[in-house]
Amino acid sequence: MVATYFPGRGTLFEETYLEGKAEGKAESILSVLDKRGIPVPEATRDRITTCTDLDTLTLWFDRSLTANTAEDLFADG
């Protein structure tokens, strides 16, 4: 869960803002994998683009920098 402290917290405005942040993070993950020449199966692409948890997306982004396969994003540990 991401805590935010700006006016409008808990409102539709905040929800829309966070959705945009998640969308941008998902696009960044896919871009990194693309630039590194790592193929992304459709199911994996869907999992990334439908995730709305910013902490999870940040973890996946960090992993995208060193992953050997797209599935490595989801590895435990």
Protein backbone atom coordinates (compact mmCIF):
# COMPACT_ATOMS: atom_id res chain seq x y z
CA MET A 1 0.00 0.00 0.00
CA VAL A 2 1.32 3.40 -0.90
CA ALA A 3 0.70 6.22 1.53
CA THR A 4 0.16 9.61 0.00
CA TYR A 5 -0.25 12.90 1.77
CA PHE A 6 -1.54 15.42 -0.69
CA PRO A 7 -4.86 17.23 -0.77
CA GLY A 8 -7.50 14.92 -2.13
CA ARG A 9 -6.19 11.86 -0.33
CA GLY A 10 -8.73 9.04 -0.46
CA THR A 11 -10.60 10.64 -3.34
CA LEU A 12 -11.20 9.79 -6.96
CA PHE A 13 -8.45 12.29 -7.79
CA GLU A 14 -5.93 10.31 -5.74
CA GLU A 15 -7.11 7.01 -7.18
CA THR A 16 -6.71 8.34 -10.72
CA TYR A 17 -3.28 9.73 -9.88
CA LEU A 18 -2.10 6.39 -8.45
CA GLU A 19 -3.49 4.48 -11.43
CA GLY A 20 -1.45 6.75 -13.69
CA LYS A 21 1.67 6.10 -11.61
CA ALA A 22 1.09 2.34 -11.84
CA GLU A 23 0.50 2.55 -15.58
CA GLY A 24 3.72 4.51 -16.04
CA LYS A 25 5.71 2.06 -13.94
CA ALA A 26 4.33 -0.90 -15.92
CA GLU A 27 5.31 0.81 -19.18
CA SER A 28 8.81 1.39 -17.80
CA ILE A 29 9.19 -2.29 -16.94
CA LEU A 30 8.13 -3.34 -20.42
CA SER A 31 10.43 -0.75 -21.97
CA VAL A 32 13.45 -1.98 -20.01
CA LEU A 33 12.75 -5.57 -21.00
CA ASP A 34 12.32 -4.52 -24.63
CA LYS A 35 15.57 -2.52 -24.66
CA ARG A 36 17.39 -5.48 -23.14
CA GLY A 37 15.99 -7.77 -25.86
CA ILE A 38 14.01 -9.90 -23.46
CA PRO A 39 10.81 -11.31 -24.98
CA VAL A 40 7.63 -10.78 -22.96
CA PRO A 41 4.89 -13.37 -23.43
CA GLU A 42 1.35 -11.97 -23.63
CA ALA A 43 0.36 -13.47 -20.25
CA THR A 44 3.36 -11.80 -18.60
CA ARG A 45 2.60 -8.49 -20.32
CA ASP A 46 -0.98 -8.70 -19.04
CA ARG A 47 0.19 -9.45 -15.49
CA ILE A 48 2.46 -6.41 -15.54
CA THR A 49 -0.02 -3.99 -17.10
CA THR A 50 -2.93 -5.00 -14.86
CA CYS A 51 -0.98 -4.71 -11.60
CA THR A 52 -1.95 -1.63 -9.59
CA ASP A 53 0.30 -2.14 -6.55
CA LEU A 54 3.14 0.38 -6.76
CA ASP A 55 5.38 -1.54 -4.35
CA THR A 56 5.08 -4.67 -6.49
CA LEU A 57 5.68 -2.73 -9.68
CA THR A 58 8.76 -1.10 -8.15
CA LEU A 59 10.11 -4.52 -7.21
CA TRP A 60 9.45 -5.81 -10.74
CA PHE A 61 11.10 -2.72 -12.23
CA ASP A 62 14.22 -3.28 -10.14
CA ARG A 63 14.29 -6.92 -11.23
CA SER A 64 13.79 -5.95 -14.88
CA LEU A 65 17.22 -4.33 -14.83
CA THR A 66 18.98 -7.67 -14.28
CA ALA A 67 16.44 -10.35 -15.25
CA ASN A 68 17.39 -12.97 -17.83
CA THR A 69 13.75 -13.71 -18.69
CA ALA A 70 10.50 -11.81 -18.16
CA GLU A 71 9.37 -14.54 -15.76
CA ASP A 72 12.35 -13.67 -13.51
CA LEU A 73 10.38 -10.59 -12.42
CA PHE A 74 8.07 -12.81 -10.41
CA ALA A 75 10.70 -15.04 -8.75
CA ASP A 76 10.42 -15.49 -5.00
CA GLY A 77 13.37 -14.42 -2.91
